[in-house]
Amino acid sequence: MTKPMKYLILMMFIIFNSAVAADLTVYELKIKEHRFDPPLIEIPSGTKVKLVVKNLDASPEEFESYELNREKVVPGNSEITVYIGPLEPGVYGFFGDFHQDTAQGKLTVK
């Protein structure tokens, strides 16, 4: 494969993925005082979504979910993006690994 062809394929891949990501429904989850807000999020089944996790605390927190197979550190006063789905209907728990006693939440898929 020639170098121009590789470049063309790469550019097509980037443009396609950008367009797909732009069409996702965005949900926002905040971390404040080591708690998730809102603690319950409802999303439609069979749909991929974008979850923006904003940490309003000065200390880092880790967004973690065994059921969703996600684990990502959110530095203090920062945000991360987590892509979720498509999922089957059900309830999927998530928690803050650094403050498990208070940082708890659930994702309900209907």
PDB file of N, CA and C in Angstrom:
ATOM      1  N   MET A   1       0.857  -1.178   0.000  1.00  0.00           N
ATOM      2  CA  MET A   1       0.000   0.000   0.000  1.00  0.00           C
ATOM      3  C   MET A   1       0.900   1.237   0.000  1.00  0.00           C
ATOM      4  N   THR A   2       0.561   2.195  -0.816  1.00  0.00           N
ATOM      5  CA  THR A   2       1.367   3.406  -0.935  1.00  0.00           C
ATOM      6  C   THR A   2       1.121   4.336   0.247  1.00  0.00           C
ATOM      7  N   LYS A   3       2.052   5.221   0.471  1.00  0.00           N
ATOM      8  CA  LYS A   3       1.944   6.173   1.566  1.00  0.00           C
ATOM      9  C   LYS A   3       0.716   7.084   1.425  1.00  0.00           C
ATOM     10  N   PRO A   4       0.421   7.633   0.224  1.00  0.00           N
ATOM     11  CA  PRO A   4      -0.794   8.454   0.084  1.00  0.00           C
ATOM     12  C   PRO A   4      -2.076   7.673   0.387  1.00  0.00           C
ATOM     13  N   MET A   5      -2.106   6.398   0.014  1.00  0.00           N
ATOM     14  CA  MET A   5      -3.287   5.576   0.288  1.00  0.00           C
ATOM     15  C   MET A   5      -3.455   5.364   1.792  1.00  0.00           C
ATOM     16  N   LYS A   6      -2.370   5.108   2.505  1.00  0.00           N
ATOM     17  CA  LYS A   6      -2.429   4.948   3.961  1.00  0.00           C
ATOM     18  C   LYS A   6      -2.946   6.233   4.613  1.00  0.00           C
ATOM     19  N   TYR A   7      -2.456   7.364   4.125  1.00  0.00           N
ATOM     20  CA  TYR A   7      -2.883   8.660   4.655  1.00  0.00           C
ATOM     21  C   TYR A   7      -4.375   8.865   4.415  1.00  0.00           C
ATOM     22  N   LEU A   8      -4.848   8.547   3.242  1.00  0.00           N
ATOM     23  CA  LEU A   8      -6.264   8.692   2.907  1.00  0.00           C
ATOM     24  C   LEU A   8      -7.137   7.815   3.805  1.00  0.00           C
ATOM     25  N   ILE A   9      -6.731   6.592   4.017  1.00  0.00           N
ATOM     26  CA  ILE A   9      -7.499   5.677   4.879  1.00  0.00           C
ATOM     27  C   ILE A   9      -7.523   6.201   6.312  1.00  0.00           C
ATOM     28  N   LEU A  10      -6.396   6.681   6.785  1.00  0.00           N
ATOM     29  CA  LEU A  10      -6.332   7.231   8.140  1.00  0.00           C
ATOM     30  C   LEU A  10      -7.255   8.436   8.286  1.00  0.00           C
ATOM     31  N   MET A  11      -7.241   9.327   7.315  1.00  0.00           N
ATOM     32  CA  MET A  11      -8.093  10.515   7.378  1.00  0.00           C
ATOM     33  C   MET A  11      -9.571  10.136   7.342  1.00  0.00           C
ATOM     34  N   MET A  12      -9.924   9.173   6.525  1.00  0.00           N
ATOM     35  CA  MET A  12     -11.321   8.722   6.467  1.00  0.00           C
ATOM     36  C   MET A  12     -11.750   8.134   7.814  1.00  0.00           C
ATOM     37  N   PHE A  13     -10.875   7.382   8.429  1.00  0.00           N
ATOM     38  CA  PHE A  13     -11.164   6.786   9.738  1.00  0.00           C
ATOM     39  C   PHE A  13     -11.397   7.877  10.785  1.00  0.00           C
ATOM     40  N   ILE A  14     -10.534   8.884  10.811  1.00  0.00           N
ATOM     41  CA  ILE A  14     -10.659   9.980  11.780  1.00  0.00           C
ATOM     42  C   ILE A  14     -11.956  10.756  11.552  1.00  0.00           C
ATOM     43  N   ILE A  15     -12.265  11.073  10.320  1.00  0.00           N
ATOM     44  CA  ILE A  15     -13.482  11.838  10.018  1.00  0.00           C
ATOM     45  C   ILE A  15     -14.722  11.036  10.383  1.00  0.00           C
ATOM     46  N   PHE A  16     -14.742   9.753  10.055  1.00  0.00           N
ATOM     47  CA  PHE A  16     -15.893   8.906  10.378  1.00  0.00           C
ATOM     48  C   PHE A  16     -16.102   8.831  11.885  1.00  0.00           C
ATOM     49  N   ASN A  17     -15.035   8.592  12.649  1.00  0.00           N
ATOM     50  CA  ASN A  17     -15.166   8.482  14.102  1.00  0.00           C
ATOM     51  C   ASN A  17     -15.574   9.803  14.727  1.00  0.00           C
ATOM     52  N   SER A  18     -15.102  10.917  14.197  1.00  0.00           N
ATOM     53  CA  SER A  18     -15.505  12.226  14.716  1.00  0.00           C
ATOM     54  C   SER A  18     -16.986  12.461  14.492  1.00  0.00           C
ATOM     55  N   ALA A  19     -17.479  12.085  13.340  1.00  0.00           N
ATOM     56  CA  ALA A  19     -18.905  12.266  13.037  1.00  0.00           C
ATOM     57  C   ALA A  19     -19.764  11.388  13.930  1.00  0.00           C
ATOM     58  N   VAL A  20     -19.334  10.171  14.187  1.00  0.00           N
ATOM     59  CA  VAL A  20     -20.093   9.267  15.056  1.00  0.00           C
ATOM     60  C   VAL A  20     -20.108   9.807  16.476  1.00  0.00           C
ATOM     61  N   ALA A  21     -18.969  10.267  16.982  1.00  0.00           N
ATOM     62  CA  ALA A  21     -18.893  10.797  18.344  1.00  0.00           C
ATOM     63  C   ALA A  21     -19.734  12.054  18.497  1.00  0.00           C
ATOM     64  N   ALA A  22     -19.837  12.867  17.451  1.00  0.00           N
ATOM     65  CA  ALA A  22     -20.605  14.108  17.523  1.00  0.00           C
ATOM     66  C   ALA A  22     -22.106  13.839  17.644  1.00  0.00           C
ATOM     67  N   ASP A  23     -22.570  12.691  17.180  1.00  0.00           N
ATOM     68  CA  ASP A  23     -23.992  12.370  17.222  1.00  0.00           C
ATOM     69  C   ASP A  23     -24.443  11.723  18.537  1.00  0.00           C
ATOM     70  N   LEU A  24     -23.526  11.448  19.434  1.00  0.00           N
ATOM     71  CA  LEU A  24     -23.885  10.773  20.678  1.00  0.00           C
ATOM     72  C   LEU A  24     -24.607  11.720  21.637  1.00  0.00           C
ATOM     73  N   THR A  25     -25.545  11.170  22.387  1.00  0.00           N
ATOM     74  CA  THR A  25     -26.188  11.936  23.453  1.00  0.00           C
ATOM     75  C   THR A  25     -25.188  12.076  24.594  1.00  0.00           C
ATOM     76  N   VAL A  26     -25.089  13.281  25.147  1.00  0.00           N
ATOM     77  CA  VAL A  26     -24.122  13.565  26.206  1.00  0.00           C
ATOM     78  C   VAL A  26     -24.847  13.658  27.546  1.00  0.00           C
ATOM     79  N   TYR A  27     -24.312  12.955  28.523  1.00  0.00           N
ATOM     80  CA  TYR A  27     -24.808  13.016  29.890  1.00  0.00           C
ATOM     81  C   TYR A  27     -23.677  13.556  30.756  1.00  0.00           C
ATOM     82  N   GLU A  28     -24.035  14.371  31.751  1.00  0.00           N
ATOM     83  CA  GLU A  28     -23.032  14.971  32.620  1.00  0.00           C
ATOM     84  C   GLU A  28     -23.179  14.436  34.034  1.00  0.00           C
ATOM     85  N   LEU A  29     -22.059  14.081  34.606  1.00  0.00           N
ATOM     86  CA  LEU A  29     -21.997  13.581  35.975  1.00  0.00           C
ATOM     87  C   LEU A  29     -20.954  14.411  36.714  1.00  0.00           C
ATOM     88  N   LYS A  30     -21.338  14.979  37.850  1.00  0.00           N
ATOM     89  CA  LYS A  30     -20.408  15.808  38.619  1.00  0.00           C
ATOM     90  C   LYS A  30     -19.982  15.069  39.885  1.00  0.00           C
ATOM     91  N   ILE A  31     -18.771  15.349  40.305  1.00  0.00           N
ATOM     92  CA  ILE A  31     -18.265  14.874  41.587  1.00  0.00           C
ATOM     93  C   ILE A  31     -18.060  16.104  42.444  1.00  0.00           C
ATOM     94  N   LYS A  32     -18.770  16.151  43.572  1.00  0.00           N
ATOM     95  CA  LYS A  32     -18.647  17.280  44.488  1.00  0.00           C
ATOM     96  C   LYS A  32     -18.745  16.752  45.909  1.00  0.00           C
ATOM     97  N   GLU A  33     -17.780  17.136  46.731  1.00  0.00           N
ATOM     98  CA  GLU A  33     -17.704  16.648  48.107  1.00  0.00           C
ATOM     99  C   GLU A  33     -17.711  15.126  48.134  1.00  0.00           C
ATOM    100  N   HIS A  34     -17.000  14.539  47.191  1.00  0.00           N
ATOM    101  CA  HIS A  34     -16.814  13.084  47.070  1.00  0.00           C
ATOM    102  C   HIS A  34     -18.123  12.335  46.880  1.00  0.00           C
ATOM    103  N   ARG A  35     -19.067  12.965  46.181  1.00  0.00           N
ATOM    104  CA  ARG A  35     -20.356  12.345  45.851  1.00  0.00           C
ATOM    105  C   ARG A  35     -20.653  12.599  44.376  1.00  0.00           C
ATOM    106  N   PHE A  36     -21.339  11.636  43.759  1.00  0.00           N
ATOM    107  CA  PHE A  36     -21.762  11.807  42.373  1.00  0.00           C
ATOM    108  C   PHE A  36     -23.090  12.548  42.329  1.00  0.00           C
ATOM    109  N   ASP A  37     -23.197  13.469  41.387  1.00  0.00           N
ATOM    110  CA  ASP A  37     -24.426  14.228  41.204  1.00  0.00           C
ATOM    111  C   ASP A  37     -24.737  14.315  39.715  1.00  0.00           C
ATOM    112  N   PRO A  38     -25.810  13.750  39.267  1.00  0.00           N
ATOM    113  CA  PRO A  38     -26.817  13.021  40.030  1.00  0.00           C
ATOM    114  C   PRO A  38     -26.339  11.598  40.337  1.00  0.00           C
ATOM    115  N   PRO A  39     -26.829  11.016  41.421  1.00  0.00           N
ATOM    116  CA  PRO A  39     -26.415   9.653  41.755  1.00  0.00           C
ATOM    117  C   PRO A  39     -27.078   8.590  40.872  1.00  0.00           C
ATOM    118  N   LEU A  40     -28.147   8.978  40.166  1.00  0.00           N
ATOM    119  CA  LEU A  40     -28.850   8.058  39.270  1.00  0.00           C
ATOM    120  C   LEU A  40     -28.953   8.681  37.883  1.00  0.00           C
ATOM    121  N   ILE A  41     -28.530   7.937  36.874  1.00  0.00           N
ATOM    122  CA  ILE A  41     -28.615   8.392  35.492  1.00  0.00           C
ATOM    123  C   ILE A  41     -29.395   7.349  34.711  1.00  0.00           C
ATOM    124  N   GLU A  42     -30.313   7.794  33.864  1.00  0.00           N
ATOM    125  CA  GLU A  42     -31.097   6.877  33.039  1.00  0.00           C
ATOM    126  C   GLU A  42     -30.754   7.111  31.572  1.00  0.00           C
ATOM    127  N   ILE A  43     -30.412   6.017  30.874  1.00  0.00           N
ATOM    128  CA  ILE A  43     -30.111   6.108  29.450  1.00  0.00           C
ATOM    129  C   ILE A  43     -30.934   5.063  28.698  1.00  0.00           C
ATOM    130  N   PRO A  44     -31.140   5.265  27.398  1.00  0.00           N
ATOM    131  CA  PRO A  44     -31.898   4.285  26.614  1.00  0.00           C
ATOM    132  C   PRO A  44     -31.049   3.054  26.289  1.00  0.00           C
ATOM    133  N   SER A  45     -31.680   1.908  26.214  1.00  0.00           N
ATOM    134  CA  SER A  45     -30.965   0.681  25.865  1.00  0.00           C
ATOM    135  C   SER A  45     -30.588   0.699  24.383  1.00  0.00           C
ATOM    136  N   GLY A  46     -29.558  -0.046  24.070  1.00  0.00           N
ATOM    137  CA  GLY A  46     -29.146  -0.183  22.682  1.00  0.00           C
ATOM    138  C   GLY A  46     -28.529   1.053  22.069  1.00  0.00           C
ATOM    139  N   THR A  47     -28.146   2.014  22.898  1.00  0.00           N
ATOM    140  CA  THR A  47     -27.607   3.286  22.411  1.00  0.00           C
ATOM    141  C   THR A  47     -26.263   3.567  23.065  1.00  0.00           C
ATOM    142  N   LYS A  48     -25.292   3.987  22.271  1.00  0.00           N
ATOM    143  CA  LYS A  48     -24.013   4.411  22.815  1.00  0.00           C
ATOM    144  C   LYS A  48     -24.145   5.857  23.262  1.00  0.00           C
ATOM    145  N   VAL A  49     -23.619   6.184  24.449  1.00  0.00           N
ATOM    146  CA  VAL A  49     -23.702   7.546  24.976  1.00  0.00           C
ATOM    147  C   VAL A  49     -22.321   8.024  25.427  1.00  0.00           C
ATOM    148  N   LYS A  50     -22.239   9.325  25.551  1.00  0.00           N
ATOM    149  CA  LYS A  50     -21.014   9.979  26.026  1.00  0.00           C
ATOM    150  C   LYS A  50     -21.300  10.507  27.420  1.00  0.00           C
ATOM    151  N   LEU A  51     -20.504  10.074  28.395  1.00  0.00           N
ATOM    152  CA  LEU A  51     -20.652  10.525  29.778  1.00  0.00           C
ATOM    153  C   LEU A  51     -19.466  11.416  30.117  1.00  0.00           C
ATOM    154  N   VAL A  52     -19.759  12.685  30.408  1.00  0.00           N
ATOM    155  CA  VAL A  52     -18.717  13.636  30.807  1.00  0.00           C
ATOM    156  C   VAL A  52     -18.740  13.701  32.331  1.00  0.00           C
ATOM    157  N   VAL A  53     -17.622  13.319  32.944  1.00  0.00           N
ATOM    158  CA  VAL A  53     -17.511  13.302  34.403  1.00  0.00           C
ATOM    159  C   VAL A  53     -16.651  14.481  34.818  1.00  0.00           C
ATOM    160  N   LYS A  54     -17.261  15.421  35.556  1.00  0.00           N
ATOM    161  CA  LYS A  54     -16.566  16.630  36.001  1.00  0.00           C
ATOM    162  C   LYS A  54     -16.292  16.530  37.494  1.00  0.00           C
ATOM    163  N   ASN A  55     -15.032  16.614  37.856  1.00  0.00           N
ATOM    164  CA  ASN A  55     -14.644  16.572  39.260  1.00  0.00           C
ATOM    165  C   ASN A  55     -14.492  18.006  39.754  1.00  0.00           C
ATOM    166  N   LEU A  56     -15.426  18.431  40.595  1.00  0.00           N
ATOM    167  CA  LEU A  56     -15.395  19.787  41.145  1.00  0.00           C
ATOM    168  C   LEU A  56     -14.574  19.870  42.426  1.00  0.00           C
ATOM    169  N   ASP A  57     -14.112  18.726  42.918  1.00  0.00           N
ATOM    170  CA  ASP A  57     -13.263  18.689  44.111  1.00  0.00           C
ATOM    171  C   ASP A  57     -11.804  18.946  43.720  1.00  0.00           C
ATOM    172  N   ALA A  58     -11.014  19.362  44.700  1.00  0.00           N
ATOM    173  CA  ALA A  58      -9.588  19.599  44.452  1.00  0.00           C
ATOM    174  C   ALA A  58      -8.799  18.291  44.371  1.00  0.00           C
ATOM    175  N   SER A  59      -9.297  17.256  45.012  1.00  0.00           N
ATOM    176  CA  SER A  59      -8.596  15.969  45.026  1.00  0.00           C
ATOM    177  C   SER A  59      -9.087  15.062  43.891  1.00  0.00           C
ATOM    178  N   PRO A  60      -8.247  14.150  43.427  1.00  0.00           N
ATOM    179  CA  PRO A  60      -8.662  13.257  42.347  1.00  0.00           C
ATOM    180  C   PRO A  60      -9.685  12.225  42.821  1.00  0.00           C
ATOM    181  N   GLU A  61     -10.419  11.692  41.882  1.00  0.00           N
ATOM    182  CA  GLU A  61     -11.361  10.594  42.142  1.00  0.00           C
ATOM    183  C   GLU A  61     -11.254   9.645  40.964  1.00  0.00           C
ATOM    184  N   GLU A  62     -11.635   8.410  41.190  1.00  0.00           N
ATOM    185  CA  GLU A  62     -11.609   7.438  40.107  1.00  0.00           C
ATOM    186  C   GLU A  62     -13.028   6.978  39.809  1.00  0.00           C
ATOM    187  N   PHE A  63     -13.457   7.180  38.559  1.00  0.00           N
ATOM    188  CA  PHE A  63     -14.746   6.657  38.116  1.00  0.00           C
ATOM    189  C   PHE A  63     -14.514   5.190  37.795  1.00  0.00           C
ATOM    190  N   GLU A  64     -15.227   4.313  38.507  1.00  0.00           N
ATOM    191  CA  GLU A  64     -15.018   2.883  38.309  1.00  0.00           C
ATOM    192  C   GLU A  64     -16.342   2.138  38.306  1.00  0.00           C
ATOM    193  N   SER A  65     -16.410   1.142  37.433  1.00  0.00           N
ATOM    194  CA  SER A  65     -17.583   0.284  37.367  1.00  0.00           C
ATOM    195  C   SER A  65     -17.161  -1.085  36.869  1.00  0.00           C
ATOM    196  N   TYR A  66     -17.410  -2.097  37.687  1.00  0.00           N
ATOM    197  CA  TYR A  66     -17.127  -3.470  37.256  1.00  0.00           C
ATOM    198  C   TYR A  66     -18.095  -3.882  36.154  1.00  0.00           C
ATOM    199  N   GLU A  67     -19.375  -3.512  36.323  1.00  0.00           N
ATOM    200  CA  GLU A  67     -20.407  -3.908  35.354  1.00  0.00           C
ATOM    201  C   GLU A  67     -20.189  -3.266  33.981  1.00  0.00           C
ATOM    202  N   LEU A  68     -19.691  -2.033  33.971  1.00  0.00           N
ATOM    203  CA  LEU A  68     -19.450  -1.321  32.713  1.00  0.00           C
ATOM    204  C   LEU A  68     -18.036  -1.532  32.174  1.00  0.00           C
ATOM    205  N   ASN A  69     -17.211  -2.192  32.976  1.00  0.00           N
ATOM    206  CA  ASN A  69     -15.819  -2.432  32.611  1.00  0.00           C
ATOM    207  C   ASN A  69     -15.090  -1.115  32.322  1.00  0.00           C
ATOM    208  N   ARG A  70     -15.244  -0.166  33.236  1.00  0.00           N
ATOM    209  CA  ARG A  70     -14.610   1.147  33.095  1.00  0.00           C
ATOM    210  C   ARG A  70     -13.866   1.490  34.384  1.00  0.00           C
ATOM    211  N   GLU A  71     -12.721   2.143  34.201  1.00  0.00           N
ATOM    212  CA  GLU A  71     -11.914   2.606  35.329  1.00  0.00           C
ATOM    213  C   GLU A  71     -11.056   3.754  34.821  1.00  0.00           C
ATOM    214  N   LYS A  72     -11.335   4.955  35.327  1.00  0.00           N
ATOM    215  CA  LYS A  72     -10.626   6.128  34.815  1.00  0.00           C
ATOM    216  C   LYS A  72     -10.486   7.165  35.928  1.00  0.00           C
ATOM    217  N   VAL A  73      -9.274   7.656  36.134  1.00  0.00           N
ATOM    218  CA  VAL A  73      -9.017   8.677  37.156  1.00  0.00           C
ATOM    219  C   VAL A  73      -9.458  10.029  36.620  1.00  0.00           C
ATOM    220  N   VAL A  74     -10.142  10.784  37.495  1.00  0.00           N
ATOM    221  CA  VAL A  74     -10.557  12.150  37.179  1.00  0.00           C
ATOM    222  C   VAL A  74      -9.748  13.073  38.093  1.00  0.00           C
ATOM    223  N   PRO A  75      -8.737  13.746  37.561  1.00  0.00           N
ATOM    224  CA  PRO A  75      -7.955  14.653  38.408  1.00  0.00           C
ATOM    225  C   PRO A  75      -8.838  15.739  39.027  1.00  0.00           C
ATOM    226  N   GLY A  76      -8.373  16.314  40.122  1.00  0.00           N
ATOM    227  CA  GLY A  76      -9.122  17.386  40.768  1.00  0.00           C
ATOM    228  C   GLY A  76      -9.352  18.550  39.822  1.00  0.00           C
ATOM    229  N   ASN A  77     -10.533  19.156  39.920  1.00  0.00           N
ATOM    230  CA  ASN A  77     -10.909  20.304  39.090  1.00  0.00           C
ATOM    231  C   ASN A  77     -10.701  20.033  37.596  1.00  0.00           C
ATOM    232  N   SER A  78     -11.060  18.833  37.171  1.00  0.00           N
ATOM    233  CA  SER A  78     -10.899  18.429  35.773  1.00  0.00           C
ATOM    234  C   SER A  78     -12.100  17.611  35.326  1.00  0.00           C
ATOM    235  N   GLU A  79     -12.083  17.198  34.068  1.00  0.00           N
ATOM    236  CA  GLU A  79     -13.151  16.346  33.566  1.00  0.00           C
ATOM    237  C   GLU A  79     -12.580  15.294  32.626  1.00  0.00           C
ATOM    238  N   ILE A  80     -13.323  14.205  32.512  1.00  0.00           N
ATOM    239  CA  ILE A  80     -12.969  13.122  31.597  1.00  0.00           C
ATOM    240  C   ILE A  80     -14.214  12.764  30.789  1.00  0.00           C
ATOM    241  N   THR A  81     -14.009  12.020  29.736  1.00  0.00           N
ATOM    242  CA  THR A  81     -15.112  11.512  28.935  1.00  0.00           C
ATOM    243  C   THR A  81     -15.063   9.994  28.953  1.00  0.00           C
ATOM    244  N   VAL A  82     -16.219   9.389  29.188  1.00  0.00           N
ATOM    245  CA  VAL A  82     -16.355   7.936  29.189  1.00  0.00           C
ATOM    246  C   VAL A  82     -17.458   7.587  28.203  1.00  0.00           C
ATOM    247  N   TYR A  83     -17.153   6.708  27.255  1.00  0.00           N
ATOM    248  CA  TYR A  83     -18.161   6.243  26.310  1.00  0.00           C
ATOM    249  C   TYR A  83     -18.757   4.946  26.839  1.00  0.00           C
ATOM    250  N   ILE A  84     -20.086   4.883  26.839  1.00  0.00           N
ATOM    251  CA  ILE A  84     -20.795   3.739  27.409  1.00  0.00           C
ATOM    252  C   ILE A  84     -21.803   3.213  26.393  1.00  0.00           C
ATOM    253  N   GLY A  85     -21.886   1.898  26.320  1.00  0.00           N
ATOM    254  CA  GLY A  85     -22.918   1.268  25.512  1.00  0.00           C
ATOM    255  C   GLY A  85     -22.439   0.871  24.144  1.00  0.00           C
ATOM    256  N   PRO A  86     -23.415   0.376  23.401  1.00  0.00           N
ATOM    257  CA  PRO A  86     -24.823   0.149  23.753  1.00  0.00           C
ATOM    258  C   PRO A  86     -24.965  -0.966  24.792  1.00  0.00           C
ATOM    259  N   LEU A  87     -25.962  -0.801  25.664  1.00  0.00           N
ATOM    260  CA  LEU A  87     -26.177  -1.732  26.771  1.00  0.00           C
ATOM    261  C   LEU A  87     -27.570  -2.334  26.741  1.00  0.00           C
ATOM    262  N   GLU A  88     -27.682  -3.498  27.342  1.00  0.00           N
ATOM    263  CA  GLU A  88     -28.972  -4.148  27.549  1.00  0.00           C
ATOM    264  C   GLU A  88     -29.671  -3.474  28.731  1.00  0.00           C
ATOM    265  N   PRO A  89     -31.007  -3.535  28.808  1.00  0.00           N
ATOM    266  CA  PRO A  89     -31.705  -2.976  29.969  1.00  0.00           C
ATOM    267  C   PRO A  89     -31.192  -3.590  31.273  1.00  0.00           C
ATOM    268  N   GLY A  90     -31.132  -2.743  32.288  1.00  0.00           N
ATOM    269  CA  GLY A  90     -30.656  -3.194  33.596  1.00  0.00           C
ATOM    270  C   GLY A  90     -30.113  -2.033  34.399  1.00  0.00           C
ATOM    271  N   VAL A  91     -29.548  -2.352  35.545  1.00  0.00           N
ATOM    272  CA  VAL A  91     -28.957  -1.349  36.435  1.00  0.00           C
ATOM    273  C   VAL A  91     -27.470  -1.672  36.561  1.00  0.00           C
ATOM    274  N   TYR A  92     -26.652  -0.663  36.315  1.00  0.00           N
ATOM    275  CA  TYR A  92     -25.199  -0.807  36.329  1.00  0.00           C
ATOM    276  C   TYR A  92     -24.632   0.155  37.377  1.00  0.00           C
ATOM    277  N   GLY A  93     -23.968  -0.381  38.361  1.00  0.00           N
ATOM    278  CA  GLY A  93     -23.406   0.455  39.424  1.00  0.00           C
ATOM    279  C   GLY A  93     -22.067   1.051  39.028  1.00  0.00           C
ATOM    280  N   PHE A  94     -21.770   2.209  39.618  1.00  0.00           N
ATOM    281  CA  PHE A  94     -20.444   2.813  39.480  1.00  0.00           C
ATOM    282  C   PHE A  94     -20.091   3.456  40.804  1.00  0.00           C
ATOM    283  N   PHE A  95     -18.801   3.687  41.026  1.00  0.00           N
ATOM    284  CA  PHE A  95     -18.366   4.247  42.304  1.00  0.00           C
ATOM    285  C   PHE A  95     -17.063   4.998  42.118  1.00  0.00           C
ATOM    286  N   GLY A  96     -16.752   5.808  43.127  1.00  0.00           N
ATOM    287  CA  GLY A  96     -15.467   6.493  43.171  1.00  0.00           C
ATOM    288  C   GLY A  96     -14.531   5.642  44.003  1.00  0.00           C
ATOM    289  N   ASP A  97     -13.517   5.121  43.393  1.00  0.00           N
ATOM    290  CA  ASP A  97     -12.636   4.169  44.075  1.00  0.00           C
ATOM    291  C   ASP A  97     -11.886   4.799  45.246  1.00  0.00           C
ATOM    292  N   PHE A  98     -11.640   6.102  45.195  1.00  0.00           N
ATOM    293  CA  PHE A  98     -10.892   6.752  46.267  1.00  0.00           C
ATOM    294  C   PHE A  98     -11.776   7.129  47.452  1.00  0.00           C
ATOM    295  N   HIS A  99     -13.091   7.158  47.264  1.00  0.00           N
ATOM    296  CA  HIS A  99     -14.041   7.499  48.343  1.00  0.00           C
ATOM    297  C   HIS A  99     -15.279   6.598  48.213  1.00  0.00           C
ATOM    298  N   GLN A 100     -15.074   5.310  48.336  1.00  0.00           N
ATOM    299  CA  GLN A 100     -16.141   4.347  48.104  1.00  0.00           C
ATOM    300  C   GLN A 100     -17.301   4.483  49.085  1.00  0.00           C
ATOM    301  N   ASP A 101     -17.046   5.042  50.249  1.00  0.00           N
ATOM    302  CA  ASP A 101     -18.119   5.178  51.241  1.00  0.00           C
ATOM    303  C   ASP A 101     -19.160   6.224  50.831  1.00  0.00           C
ATOM    304  N   THR A 102     -18.769   7.227  50.032  1.00  0.00           N
ATOM    305  CA  THR A 102     -19.717   8.277  49.657  1.00  0.00           C
ATOM    306  C   THR A 102     -19.967   8.384  48.148  1.00  0.00           C
ATOM    307  N   ALA A 103     -18.980   8.069  47.341  1.00  0.00           N
ATOM    308  CA  ALA A 103     -19.094   8.239  45.888  1.00  0.00           C
ATOM    309  C   ALA A 103     -19.701   6.975  45.266  1.00  0.00           C
ATOM    310  N   GLN A 104     -21.029   6.918  45.226  1.00  0.00           N
ATOM    311  CA  GLN A 104     -21.747   5.771  44.689  1.00  0.00           C
ATOM    312  C   GLN A 104     -22.805   6.265  43.704  1.00  0.00           C
ATOM    313  N   GLY A 105     -23.038   5.506  42.652  1.00  0.00           N
ATOM    314  CA  GLY A 105     -24.068   5.878  41.697  1.00  0.00           C
ATOM    315  C   GLY A 105     -24.548   4.674  40.911  1.00  0.00           C
ATOM    316  N   LYS A 106     -25.637   4.895  40.163  1.00  0.00           N
ATOM    317  CA  LYS A 106     -26.210   3.824  39.335  1.00  0.00           C
ATOM    318  C   LYS A 106     -26.617   4.377  37.994  1.00  0.00           C
ATOM    319  N   LEU A 107     -26.409   3.576  36.975  1.00  0.00           N
ATOM    320  CA  LEU A 107     -26.831   3.867  35.623  1.00  0.00           C
ATOM    321  C   LEU A 107     -27.959   2.898  35.293  1.00  0.00           C
ATOM    322  N   THR A 108     -29.156   3.445  35.059  1.00  0.00           N
ATOM    323  CA  THR A 108     -30.299   2.610  34.712  1.00  0.00           C
ATOM    324  C   THR A 108     -30.499   2.672  33.213  1.00  0.00           C
ATOM    325  N   VAL A 109     -30.561   1.495  32.595  1.00  0.00           N
ATOM    326  CA  VAL A 109     -30.729   1.402  31.160  1.00  0.00           C
ATOM    327  C   VAL A 109     -32.121   0.828  30.906  1.00  0.00           C
ATOM    328  N   LYS A 110     -32.941   1.596  30.162  1.00  0.00           N
ATOM    329  CA  LYS A 110     -34.326   1.170  29.882  1.00  0.00           C
ATOM    330  C   LYS A 110     -34.550   1.065  28.396  1.00  0.00           C
TER     331      LYS A 110
END
